[in-house]
Amino acid sequence: FTSITPGNPDQLFAAAYGDYSRGNYDLALSEFRQYVETYPSSEMADNAQYWIGEILYAQKKLPEAAAAFEKVRIVSPNGDKTAPALYKRGMALLDMGQREEAVIQLLTIYKDYSKTKEGELAFQKLQEIAPESIPQNTATPPIRKPTTRKP
């Protein structure tokens, strides 16, 4: 166990990510949680929250992972980890068999983050699992409820 200097967010984040990379999930989880609690307004708080979701997802704790990914948007609505977190939340919902909620989540990503890699991934996943939910004119933002027209 490395000694972490109190008050050093970079060191704490680096330690947490290092533990995550080595598969020390429980330790990394507690370090990332400590980071988010201690430095909620830091630029890396959304990243720490994202990795909490990734660890829970890897541990197959899907409801907890979905909640952790959702919290990334709360920590930092415009952060660089928001779109990836919401996409992963959609995947967790799918894995839990909550198809309708997953489709809504993926449509939201497709609409709100269309210019991101996750927006593209969400579109591909929607084509695979719910093509009827994709708006006919993809130049306009998708509506939240699936249309009855077939493509």
N, C-alpha and C. Protein backbone atom coordinates (compact mmCIF):
# COMPACT_ATOMS: atom_id res chain seq x y z
N PHE A 1 0.86 -1.19 0.00
CA PHE A 1 0.00 0.00 0.00
C PHE A 1 0.89 1.23 0.00
N THR A 2 0.68 2.09 -1.00
CA THR A 2 1.49 3.30 -1.09
C THR A 2 0.92 4.36 -0.17
N SER A 3 1.79 5.14 0.41
CA SER A 3 1.32 6.22 1.27
C SER A 3 0.99 7.41 0.37
N ILE A 4 -0.21 7.94 0.58
CA ILE A 4 -0.67 9.05 -0.25
C ILE A 4 -0.65 10.31 0.58
N THR A 5 -0.04 11.34 0.03
CA THR A 5 0.02 12.62 0.72
C THR A 5 -1.37 13.22 0.76
N PRO A 6 -1.89 13.51 1.97
CA PRO A 6 -3.21 14.15 2.03
C PRO A 6 -3.17 15.48 1.29
N GLY A 7 -4.25 15.78 0.59
CA GLY A 7 -4.31 17.05 -0.12
C GLY A 7 -3.66 17.03 -1.48
N ASN A 8 -3.25 15.86 -1.96
CA ASN A 8 -2.66 15.79 -3.30
C ASN A 8 -3.60 14.99 -4.22
N PRO A 9 -4.50 15.68 -4.94
CA PRO A 9 -5.45 14.97 -5.79
C PRO A 9 -4.79 14.17 -6.91
N ASP A 10 -3.72 14.71 -7.49
CA ASP A 10 -3.06 14.00 -8.60
C ASP A 10 -2.50 12.66 -8.13
N GLN A 11 -1.91 12.67 -6.94
CA GLN A 11 -1.33 11.43 -6.39
C GLN A 11 -2.43 10.41 -6.10
N LEU A 12 -3.53 10.88 -5.54
CA LEU A 12 -4.64 9.98 -5.21
C LEU A 12 -5.21 9.37 -6.49
N PHE A 13 -5.43 10.20 -7.52
CA PHE A 13 -5.98 9.69 -8.77
C PHE A 13 -5.01 8.69 -9.41
N ALA A 14 -3.72 9.03 -9.41
CA ALA A 14 -2.71 8.14 -9.99
C ALA A 14 -2.67 6.80 -9.25
N ALA A 15 -2.76 6.84 -7.93
CA ALA A 15 -2.75 5.61 -7.13
C ALA A 15 -3.98 4.77 -7.46
N ALA A 16 -5.15 5.43 -7.54
CA ALA A 16 -6.40 4.71 -7.83
C ALA A 16 -6.34 4.08 -9.22
N TYR A 17 -5.87 4.84 -10.20
CA TYR A 17 -5.80 4.31 -11.56
C TYR A 17 -4.78 3.19 -11.65
N GLY A 18 -3.68 3.33 -10.94
CA GLY A 18 -2.67 2.27 -10.90
C GLY A 18 -3.24 0.99 -10.31
N ASP A 19 -3.99 1.12 -9.22
CA ASP A 19 -4.61 -0.06 -8.62
C ASP A 19 -5.64 -0.67 -9.55
N TYR A 20 -6.42 0.17 -10.24
CA TYR A 20 -7.38 -0.33 -11.22
C TYR A 20 -6.65 -1.12 -12.32
N SER A 21 -5.58 -0.54 -12.83
CA SER A 21 -4.81 -1.18 -13.92
C SER A 21 -4.24 -2.53 -13.51
N ARG A 22 -3.89 -2.67 -12.24
CA ARG A 22 -3.35 -3.94 -11.74
C ARG A 22 -4.45 -4.91 -11.31
N GLY A 23 -5.71 -4.51 -11.46
CA GLY A 23 -6.81 -5.39 -11.09
C GLY A 23 -7.14 -5.37 -9.61
N ASN A 24 -6.59 -4.42 -8.86
CA ASN A 24 -6.93 -4.28 -7.44
C ASN A 24 -8.21 -3.45 -7.34
N TYR A 25 -9.31 -4.04 -7.79
CA TYR A 25 -10.56 -3.29 -7.95
C TYR A 25 -11.10 -2.71 -6.64
N ASP A 26 -11.09 -3.48 -5.56
CA ASP A 26 -11.66 -2.98 -4.31
C ASP A 26 -10.90 -1.77 -3.79
N LEU A 27 -9.57 -1.85 -3.86
CA LEU A 27 -8.74 -0.73 -3.41
C LEU A 27 -8.96 0.48 -4.34
N ALA A 28 -8.94 0.24 -5.63
CA ALA A 28 -9.14 1.33 -6.59
C ALA A 28 -10.50 1.98 -6.39
N LEU A 29 -11.51 1.15 -6.14
CA LEU A 29 -12.86 1.66 -5.92
C LEU A 29 -12.90 2.61 -4.74
N SER A 30 -12.28 2.22 -3.64
CA SER A 30 -12.29 3.09 -2.46
C SER A 30 -11.48 4.36 -2.71
N GLU A 31 -10.39 4.26 -3.47
CA GLU A 31 -9.58 5.44 -3.78
C GLU A 31 -10.32 6.39 -4.71
N PHE A 32 -10.97 5.85 -5.75
CA PHE A 32 -11.74 6.72 -6.65
C PHE A 32 -12.90 7.39 -5.90
N ARG A 33 -13.56 6.61 -5.01
CA ARG A 33 -14.66 7.20 -4.23
C ARG A 33 -14.14 8.31 -3.32
N GLN A 34 -12.99 8.06 -2.71
CA GLN A 34 -12.37 9.08 -1.85
C GLN A 34 -12.06 10.33 -2.67
N TYR A 35 -11.57 10.12 -3.88
CA TYR A 35 -11.24 11.24 -4.76
C TYR A 35 -12.48 12.10 -5.04
N VAL A 36 -13.59 11.44 -5.45
CA VAL A 36 -14.81 12.16 -5.79
C VAL A 36 -15.35 12.91 -4.57
N GLU A 37 -15.29 12.26 -3.39
CA GLU A 37 -15.78 12.91 -2.16
C GLU A 37 -14.90 14.07 -1.75
N THR A 38 -13.58 13.92 -1.88
CA THR A 38 -12.64 14.93 -1.42
C THR A 38 -12.48 16.08 -2.42
N TYR A 39 -12.53 15.76 -3.71
CA TYR A 39 -12.28 16.78 -4.75
C TYR A 39 -13.44 16.83 -5.76
N PRO A 40 -14.68 17.06 -5.29
CA PRO A 40 -15.84 16.99 -6.20
C PRO A 40 -15.82 18.01 -7.34
N SER A 41 -15.12 19.13 -7.15
CA SER A 41 -15.11 20.15 -8.20
C SER A 41 -13.84 20.10 -9.05
N SER A 42 -13.01 19.10 -8.80
CA SER A 42 -11.77 18.97 -9.58
C SER A 42 -12.09 18.58 -11.02
N GLU A 43 -11.18 18.91 -11.90
CA GLU A 43 -11.35 18.58 -13.32
C GLU A 43 -11.39 17.06 -13.55
N MET A 44 -10.80 16.30 -12.64
CA MET A 44 -10.75 14.84 -12.80
C MET A 44 -11.85 14.10 -12.03
N ALA A 45 -12.74 14.83 -11.36
CA ALA A 45 -13.79 14.18 -10.57
C ALA A 45 -14.69 13.31 -11.45
N ASP A 46 -15.03 13.81 -12.65
CA ASP A 46 -15.87 13.00 -13.54
C ASP A 46 -15.13 11.75 -14.01
N ASN A 47 -13.81 11.87 -14.21
CA ASN A 47 -13.02 10.70 -14.60
C ASN A 47 -13.03 9.65 -13.47
N ALA A 48 -12.83 10.12 -12.25
CA ALA A 48 -12.84 9.21 -11.10
C ALA A 48 -14.20 8.52 -10.99
N GLN A 49 -15.28 9.29 -11.16
CA GLN A 49 -16.62 8.73 -11.09
C GLN A 49 -16.84 7.72 -12.21
N TYR A 50 -16.31 8.01 -13.39
CA TYR A 50 -16.40 7.09 -14.53
C TYR A 50 -15.72 5.76 -14.19
N TRP A 51 -14.53 5.83 -13.59
CA TRP A 51 -13.80 4.59 -13.29
C TRP A 51 -14.49 3.80 -12.18
N ILE A 52 -15.21 4.47 -11.30
CA ILE A 52 -16.03 3.75 -10.31
C ILE A 52 -17.04 2.88 -11.07
N GLY A 53 -17.68 3.47 -12.07
CA GLY A 53 -18.63 2.71 -12.89
C GLY A 53 -17.97 1.55 -13.61
N GLU A 54 -16.80 1.79 -14.18
CA GLU A 54 -16.09 0.73 -14.91
C GLU A 54 -15.75 -0.45 -13.99
N ILE A 55 -15.31 -0.14 -12.78
CA ILE A 55 -14.96 -1.21 -11.83
C ILE A 55 -16.20 -2.02 -11.47
N LEU A 56 -17.29 -1.33 -11.16
CA LEU A 56 -18.54 -2.03 -10.80
C LEU A 56 -19.04 -2.87 -11.98
N TYR A 57 -18.90 -2.33 -13.18
CA TYR A 57 -19.31 -3.05 -14.39
C TYR A 57 -18.46 -4.31 -14.56
N ALA A 58 -17.15 -4.17 -14.36
CA ALA A 58 -16.23 -5.32 -14.47
C ALA A 58 -16.55 -6.38 -13.42
N GLN A 59 -17.05 -5.93 -12.26
CA GLN A 59 -17.40 -6.86 -11.19
C GLN A 59 -18.82 -7.40 -11.35
N LYS A 60 -19.46 -7.06 -12.48
CA LYS A 60 -20.82 -7.52 -12.80
C LYS A 60 -21.86 -7.00 -11.79
N LYS A 61 -21.56 -5.88 -11.15
CA LYS A 61 -22.52 -5.23 -10.25
C LYS A 61 -23.27 -4.20 -11.10
N LEU A 62 -24.14 -4.71 -11.97
CA LEU A 62 -24.73 -3.88 -13.01
C LEU A 62 -25.62 -2.74 -12.50
N PRO A 63 -26.53 -2.97 -11.54
CA PRO A 63 -27.32 -1.83 -11.07
C PRO A 63 -26.45 -0.73 -10.46
N GLU A 64 -25.44 -1.13 -9.70
CA GLU A 64 -24.53 -0.15 -9.10
C GLU A 64 -23.71 0.55 -10.18
N ALA A 65 -23.29 -0.19 -11.19
CA ALA A 65 -22.53 0.40 -12.30
C ALA A 65 -23.38 1.43 -13.04
N ALA A 66 -24.63 1.06 -13.34
CA ALA A 66 -25.53 1.98 -14.05
C ALA A 66 -25.70 3.27 -13.25
N ALA A 67 -25.87 3.15 -11.94
CA ALA A 67 -26.03 4.33 -11.08
C ALA A 67 -24.74 5.16 -11.06
N ALA A 68 -23.60 4.50 -10.99
CA ALA A 68 -22.31 5.20 -10.97
C ALA A 68 -22.08 5.95 -12.29
N PHE A 69 -22.43 5.32 -13.41
CA PHE A 69 -22.26 5.97 -14.71
C PHE A 69 -23.20 7.18 -14.82
N GLU A 70 -24.42 7.04 -14.32
CA GLU A 70 -25.38 8.15 -14.33
C GLU A 70 -24.84 9.33 -13.53
N LYS A 71 -24.15 9.03 -12.44
CA LYS A 71 -23.63 10.08 -11.55
C LYS A 71 -22.54 10.92 -12.22
N VAL A 72 -21.89 10.39 -13.25
CA VAL A 72 -20.85 11.16 -13.96
C VAL A 72 -21.45 12.45 -14.50
N ARG A 73 -22.68 12.35 -15.03
CA ARG A 73 -23.35 13.54 -15.60
C ARG A 73 -23.63 14.57 -14.50
N ILE A 74 -23.92 14.09 -13.29
CA ILE A 74 -24.19 14.98 -12.16
C ILE A 74 -22.89 15.67 -11.72
N VAL A 75 -21.81 14.89 -11.66
CA VAL A 75 -20.50 15.42 -11.25
C VAL A 75 -20.03 16.48 -12.25
N SER A 76 -20.21 16.19 -13.55
CA SER A 76 -19.71 17.11 -14.58
C SER A 76 -20.54 16.96 -15.85
N PRO A 77 -21.64 17.73 -15.98
CA PRO A 77 -22.54 17.58 -17.14
C PRO A 77 -21.83 17.72 -18.49
N ASN A 78 -20.80 18.56 -18.57
CA ASN A 78 -20.12 18.77 -19.85
C ASN A 78 -18.72 18.18 -19.87
N GLY A 79 -18.44 17.27 -18.94
CA GLY A 79 -17.11 16.68 -18.85
C GLY A 79 -16.82 15.71 -19.98
N ASP A 80 -15.55 15.40 -20.17
CA ASP A 80 -15.14 14.51 -21.26
C ASP A 80 -15.55 13.06 -21.02
N LYS A 81 -15.95 12.73 -19.80
CA LYS A 81 -16.35 11.35 -19.52
C LYS A 81 -17.87 11.17 -19.50
N THR A 82 -18.64 12.24 -19.74
CA THR A 82 -20.09 12.14 -19.65
C THR A 82 -20.66 11.23 -20.74
N ALA A 83 -20.31 11.46 -21.99
CA ALA A 83 -20.83 10.62 -23.08
C ALA A 83 -20.40 9.17 -22.92
N PRO A 84 -19.10 8.89 -22.65
CA PRO A 84 -18.72 7.48 -22.44
C PRO A 84 -19.48 6.84 -21.28
N ALA A 85 -19.70 7.60 -20.21
CA ALA A 85 -20.40 7.05 -19.04
C ALA A 85 -21.85 6.73 -19.37
N LEU A 86 -22.51 7.63 -20.09
CA LEU A 86 -23.91 7.38 -20.43
C LEU A 86 -24.05 6.22 -21.41
N TYR A 87 -23.07 6.07 -22.30
CA TYR A 87 -23.09 4.91 -23.21
C TYR A 87 -22.93 3.62 -22.41
N LYS A 88 -21.97 3.62 -21.48
CA LYS A 88 -21.76 2.41 -20.65
C LYS A 88 -23.00 2.13 -19.78
N ARG A 89 -23.68 3.19 -19.34
CA ARG A 89 -24.92 3.00 -18.59
C ARG A 89 -25.94 2.28 -19.47
N GLY A 90 -26.03 2.68 -20.72
CA GLY A 90 -26.92 2.02 -21.67
C GLY A 90 -26.58 0.54 -21.82
N MET A 91 -25.30 0.23 -21.88
CA MET A 91 -24.86 -1.17 -22.00
C MET A 91 -25.21 -1.95 -20.73
N ALA A 92 -25.04 -1.33 -19.57
CA ALA A 92 -25.39 -1.99 -18.31
C ALA A 92 -26.89 -2.26 -18.26
N LEU A 93 -27.69 -1.30 -18.69
CA LEU A 93 -29.15 -1.49 -18.72
C LEU A 93 -29.51 -2.64 -19.64
N LEU A 94 -28.86 -2.71 -20.80
CA LEU A 94 -29.10 -3.82 -21.74
C LEU A 94 -28.74 -5.15 -21.09
N ASP A 95 -27.57 -5.18 -20.44
CA ASP A 95 -27.12 -6.41 -19.78
C ASP A 95 -28.08 -6.85 -18.68
N MET A 96 -28.79 -5.89 -18.09
CA MET A 96 -29.75 -6.22 -17.03
C MET A 96 -31.11 -6.58 -17.61
N GLY A 97 -31.23 -6.54 -18.95
CA GLY A 97 -32.51 -6.88 -19.58
C GLY A 97 -33.50 -5.73 -19.59
N GLN A 98 -33.03 -4.52 -19.32
CA GLN A 98 -33.92 -3.35 -19.33
C GLN A 98 -33.82 -2.66 -20.69
N ARG A 99 -34.33 -3.36 -21.71
CA ARG A 99 -34.17 -2.93 -23.09
C ARG A 99 -34.77 -1.56 -23.34
N GLU A 100 -35.99 -1.32 -22.86
CA GLU A 100 -36.66 -0.05 -23.13
C GLU A 100 -35.87 1.13 -22.56
N GLU A 101 -35.41 0.99 -21.31
CA GLU A 101 -34.60 2.04 -20.69
C GLU A 101 -33.28 2.22 -21.44
N ALA A 102 -32.70 1.11 -21.87
CA ALA A 102 -31.44 1.18 -22.62
C ALA A 102 -31.63 1.93 -23.93
N VAL A 103 -32.74 1.65 -24.63
CA VAL A 103 -33.03 2.33 -25.90
C VAL A 103 -33.18 3.83 -25.66
N ILE A 104 -33.90 4.21 -24.61
CA ILE A 104 -34.06 5.64 -24.28
C ILE A 104 -32.70 6.27 -24.00
N GLN A 105 -31.85 5.56 -23.23
CA GLN A 105 -30.51 6.07 -22.92
C GLN A 105 -29.70 6.24 -24.19
N LEU A 106 -29.73 5.25 -25.07
CA LEU A 106 -28.96 5.30 -26.31
C LEU A 106 -29.48 6.41 -27.24
N LEU A 107 -30.80 6.60 -27.29
CA LEU A 107 -31.36 7.69 -28.09
C LEU A 107 -30.89 9.04 -27.56
N THR A 108 -30.82 9.17 -26.25
CA THR A 108 -30.36 10.41 -25.64
C THR A 108 -28.91 10.69 -26.03
N ILE A 109 -28.08 9.67 -25.98
CA ILE A 109 -26.66 9.83 -26.37
C ILE A 109 -26.57 10.20 -27.84
N TYR A 110 -27.33 9.48 -28.66
CA TYR A 110 -27.34 9.73 -30.10
C TYR A 110 -27.74 11.18 -30.38
N LYS A 111 -28.74 11.69 -29.64
CA LYS A 111 -29.24 13.05 -29.84
C LYS A 111 -28.29 14.10 -29.24
N ASP A 112 -27.89 13.90 -27.99
CA ASP A 112 -27.13 14.93 -27.26
C ASP A 112 -25.62 14.91 -27.55
N TYR A 113 -25.12 13.76 -27.98
CA TYR A 113 -23.67 13.61 -28.19
C TYR A 113 -23.39 13.04 -29.58
N SER A 114 -24.15 13.49 -30.57
CA SER A 114 -24.07 12.90 -31.91
C SER A 114 -22.69 13.04 -32.54
N LYS A 115 -21.94 14.05 -32.15
CA LYS A 115 -20.62 14.28 -32.76
C LYS A 115 -19.49 13.51 -32.05
N THR A 116 -19.85 12.68 -31.08
CA THR A 116 -18.84 11.92 -30.35
C THR A 116 -18.78 10.48 -30.83
N LYS A 117 -17.72 9.79 -30.45
CA LYS A 117 -17.59 8.36 -30.74
C LYS A 117 -18.76 7.60 -30.13
N GLU A 118 -19.18 8.01 -28.91
CA GLU A 118 -20.29 7.33 -28.23
C GLU A 118 -21.61 7.55 -28.95
N GLY A 119 -21.77 8.74 -29.55
CA GLY A 119 -22.98 9.00 -30.34
C GLY A 119 -23.07 8.04 -31.51
N GLU A 120 -21.93 7.79 -32.14
CA GLU A 120 -21.85 6.84 -33.25
C GLU A 120 -22.12 5.41 -32.77
N LEU A 121 -21.50 5.04 -31.63
CA LEU A 121 -21.70 3.70 -31.07
C LEU A 121 -23.17 3.50 -30.68
N ALA A 122 -23.78 4.54 -30.11
CA ALA A 122 -25.19 4.46 -29.71
C ALA A 122 -26.06 4.23 -30.94
N PHE A 123 -25.76 4.94 -32.03
CA PHE A 123 -26.51 4.78 -33.28
C PHE A 123 -26.39 3.35 -33.79
N GLN A 124 -25.17 2.82 -33.79
CA GLN A 124 -24.94 1.44 -34.26
C GLN A 124 -25.69 0.44 -33.40
N LYS A 125 -25.67 0.64 -32.08
CA LYS A 125 -26.35 -0.27 -31.16
C LYS A 125 -27.86 -0.19 -31.37
N LEU A 126 -28.38 1.02 -31.59
CA LEU A 126 -29.82 1.19 -31.86
C LEU A 126 -30.21 0.49 -33.16
N GLN A 127 -29.37 0.58 -34.19
CA GLN A 127 -29.65 -0.11 -35.45
C GLN A 127 -29.76 -1.62 -35.21
N GLU A 128 -28.95 -2.10 -34.29
CA GLU A 128 -28.92 -3.53 -33.98
C GLU A 128 -30.12 -3.97 -33.14
N ILE A 129 -30.45 -3.21 -32.09
CA ILE A 129 -31.46 -3.68 -31.13
C ILE A 129 -32.85 -3.06 -31.29
N ALA A 130 -32.92 -1.86 -31.90
CA ALA A 130 -34.21 -1.18 -32.00
C ALA A 130 -34.23 -0.22 -33.19
N PRO A 131 -34.08 -0.75 -34.40
CA PRO A 131 -34.01 0.14 -35.57
C PRO A 131 -35.26 1.02 -35.71
N GLU A 132 -36.40 0.53 -35.21
CA GLU A 132 -37.63 1.31 -35.32
C GLU A 132 -37.61 2.57 -34.46
N SER A 133 -36.69 2.65 -33.51
CA SER A 133 -36.62 3.82 -32.63
C SER A 133 -35.84 4.97 -33.24
N ILE A 134 -35.08 4.70 -34.29
CA ILE A 134 -34.25 5.73 -34.91
C ILE A 134 -35.13 6.60 -35.79
N PRO A 135 -35.08 7.91 -35.60
CA PRO A 135 -35.89 8.81 -36.42
C PRO A 135 -35.59 8.64 -37.90
N GLN A 136 -36.61 8.83 -38.72
CA GLN A 136 -36.45 8.64 -40.17
C GLN A 136 -35.48 9.65 -40.76
N ASN A 137 -35.59 10.90 -40.32
CA ASN A 137 -34.68 11.93 -40.82
C ASN A 137 -33.61 12.14 -39.75
N THR A 138 -32.45 11.54 -39.96
CA THR A 138 -31.41 11.59 -38.93
C THR A 138 -30.77 12.96 -38.80
N ALA A 139 -31.18 13.93 -39.64
CA ALA A 139 -30.65 15.28 -39.50
C ALA A 139 -31.34 16.01 -38.35
N THR A 140 -32.54 15.52 -37.99
CA THR A 140 -33.25 16.15 -36.87
C THR A 140 -33.00 15.33 -35.61
N PRO A 141 -33.04 15.98 -34.46
CA PRO A 141 -32.81 15.23 -33.22
C PRO A 141 -33.88 14.16 -33.04
N PRO A 142 -33.51 12.99 -32.54
CA PRO A 142 -34.48 11.92 -32.36
C PRO A 142 -35.48 12.28 -31.28
N ILE A 143 -36.69 11.75 -31.43
CA ILE A 143 -37.67 11.92 -30.37
C ILE A 143 -37.53 10.76 -29.41
N ARG A 144 -37.98 10.94 -28.19
CA ARG A 144 -37.72 9.94 -27.16
C ARG A 144 -38.54 8.67 -27.32
N LYS A 145 -39.77 8.77 -27.84
CA LYS A 145 -40.51 7.52 -27.96
C LYS A 145 -40.37 6.94 -29.36
N PRO A 146 -40.29 5.61 -29.46
CA PRO A 146 -40.09 4.99 -30.77
C PRO A 146 -41.25 5.29 -31.72
N THR A 147 -40.95 5.46 -32.99
CA THR A 147 -41.99 5.70 -33.99
C THR A 147 -42.56 4.36 -34.44
N THR A 148 -43.77 4.41 -35.01
CA THR A 148 -44.40 3.16 -35.46
C THR A 148 -44.03 2.86 -36.91
N ARG A 149 -43.49 3.82 -37.63
CA ARG A 149 -43.10 3.58 -39.02
C ARG A 149 -41.89 2.65 -39.09
N LYS A 150 -41.92 1.81 -40.09
CA LYS A 150 -40.76 0.92 -40.30
C LYS A 150 -39.79 1.61 -41.25
N PRO A 151 -38.51 1.38 -41.05
CA PRO A 151 -37.51 2.05 -41.91
C PRO A 151 -37.60 1.56 -43.35
